[in-house]
Amino acid sequence: MPHVTTRLHHVGHIVEDLAEASALYGRLGFVVPPPSCPAMPRSEGGAPEPFGAANTHADFPDSFLELATRVKAGDTARLPADTRLVPLEAPAEVLPLLVERIGETSANSR
């Protein structure tokens, strides 16, 4: 028996400029909240830095459109000024591997 898809949970739109995309969807009539982005030190004892992917959304009654962008090391100036950083913590022994894996995942989001 074939599976029948009855709805989409959400659709992702990966963009280069999250501020520009958010403004565009705002002009189209969507309420687009400030984006969120994970932040953690890239090495033990370091200051938390945004990394991975930042995202926000435009809501529909039963789903949403996710706007996302990659956050490259040292390239956080591209994030909108109102980006909410979500601090993450990891034990020192897994921190390098975690940072590497999240970097690989976001690098493949194009």
Protein backbone atom coordinates (compact mmCIF):
# COMPACT_ATOMS: atom_id res chain seq x y z
CA MET A 1 0.00 0.00 0.00
CA PRO A 2 1.54 3.36 -1.01
CA HIS A 3 2.09 6.06 1.55
CA VAL A 4 -0.05 9.15 1.03
CA THR A 5 1.40 12.47 2.10
CA THR A 6 -1.36 14.73 3.37
CA ARG A 7 0.66 17.76 4.49
CA LEU A 8 4.14 19.22 4.80
CA HIS A 9 5.45 20.07 8.25
CA HIS A 10 7.53 22.91 6.81
CA VAL A 11 9.60 23.95 3.83
CA GLY A 12 13.14 25.30 4.14
CA HIS A 13 14.52 28.19 2.12
CA ILE A 14 18.31 28.43 2.46
CA VAL A 15 19.46 31.99 1.77
CA GLU A 16 22.79 33.82 1.63
CA ASP A 17 21.52 36.99 3.32
CA LEU A 18 19.08 36.30 6.16
CA ALA A 19 18.40 39.99 6.83
CA GLU A 20 17.50 40.59 3.19
CA ALA A 21 15.29 37.48 3.02
CA SER A 22 13.52 38.39 6.27
CA ALA A 23 12.82 41.90 4.96
CA LEU A 24 11.49 40.48 1.69
CA TYR A 25 9.08 38.13 3.45
CA GLY A 26 8.06 41.00 5.73
CA ARG A 27 7.19 43.11 2.67
CA LEU A 28 5.14 40.17 1.38
CA GLY A 29 3.01 40.43 4.52
CA PHE A 30 4.55 37.76 6.75
CA VAL A 31 5.47 38.38 10.36
CA VAL A 32 9.10 37.27 10.54
CA PRO A 33 10.52 37.13 14.07
CA PRO A 34 14.19 37.83 14.80
CA PRO A 35 16.40 34.88 13.86
CA SER A 36 18.06 32.48 16.28
CA CYS A 37 21.55 31.05 16.06
CA PRO A 38 23.45 28.60 18.28
CA ALA A 39 26.57 29.94 19.97
CA MET A 40 29.32 28.12 21.79
CA PRO A 41 33.06 28.39 22.25
CA ARG A 42 35.00 26.77 19.42
CA SER A 43 37.65 25.67 21.93
CA GLU A 44 37.76 25.12 25.67
CA GLY A 45 37.79 28.41 27.57
CA GLY A 46 36.92 30.48 24.48
CA ALA A 47 34.12 32.99 24.16
CA PRO A 48 30.83 31.75 22.70
CA GLU A 49 30.58 32.44 18.96
CA PRO A 50 27.63 32.05 16.60
CA PHE A 51 28.09 29.02 14.32
CA GLY A 52 26.25 26.41 12.31
CA ALA A 53 23.05 27.86 10.93
CA ALA A 54 20.81 30.77 11.85
CA ASN A 55 17.12 30.61 11.10
CA THR A 56 13.73 32.27 11.40
CA HIS A 57 10.32 31.49 9.94
CA ALA A 58 7.19 32.78 8.25
CA ASP A 59 4.10 31.07 9.63
CA PHE A 60 1.13 29.57 7.83
CA PRO A 61 -1.93 28.21 9.68
CA ASP A 62 -0.66 24.60 9.75
CA SER A 63 2.99 24.88 8.73
CA PHE A 64 5.78 27.36 8.22
CA LEU A 65 8.49 28.45 5.83
CA GLU A 66 11.92 28.29 7.44
CA LEU A 67 14.49 30.85 6.35
CA ALA A 68 18.00 29.62 7.13
CA THR A 69 21.57 30.63 6.41
CA ARG A 70 24.96 29.10 7.09
CA VAL A 71 27.10 30.85 9.67
CA LYS A 72 30.74 30.49 8.72
CA ALA A 73 33.57 31.00 11.21
CA GLY A 74 34.42 34.69 11.46
CA ASP A 75 31.52 35.69 9.22
CA THR A 76 28.97 36.60 11.87
CA ALA A 77 28.69 40.23 10.74
CA ARG A 78 26.20 39.00 8.11
CA LEU A 79 23.71 38.05 10.82
CA PRO A 80 20.88 40.52 11.43
CA ALA A 81 21.53 42.77 14.42
CA ASP A 82 18.52 41.35 16.27
CA THR A 83 19.69 37.72 16.02
CA ARG A 84 19.06 35.86 19.28
CA LEU A 85 22.05 33.75 20.27
CA VAL A 86 21.18 30.40 21.85
CA PRO A 87 24.09 29.33 24.07
CA LEU A 88 25.07 25.67 23.85
CA GLU A 89 27.40 23.83 26.20
CA ALA A 90 29.38 20.66 25.67
CA PRO A 91 31.95 18.81 27.75
CA ALA A 92 35.51 19.75 26.83
CA GLU A 93 36.29 16.24 25.58
CA VAL A 94 33.55 16.33 22.90
CA LEU A 95 33.71 20.03 22.00
CA PRO A 96 36.18 19.75 19.07
CA LEU A 97 34.24 16.88 17.46
CA LEU A 98 30.90 18.63 17.99
CA VAL A 99 32.15 21.87 16.43
CA GLU A 100 33.60 19.90 13.50
CA ARG A 101 30.39 17.94 12.87
CA ILE A 102 28.12 20.96 13.08
CA GLY A 103 30.46 22.82 10.72
CA GLU A 104 30.31 19.92 8.23
CA THR A 105 26.52 19.79 8.41
CA SER A 106 26.06 23.51 7.85
CA ALA A 107 28.62 23.50 5.03
CA ASN A 108 26.45 20.94 3.21
CA SER A 109 23.36 23.17 3.49
CA ARG A 110 23.44 25.04 0.20
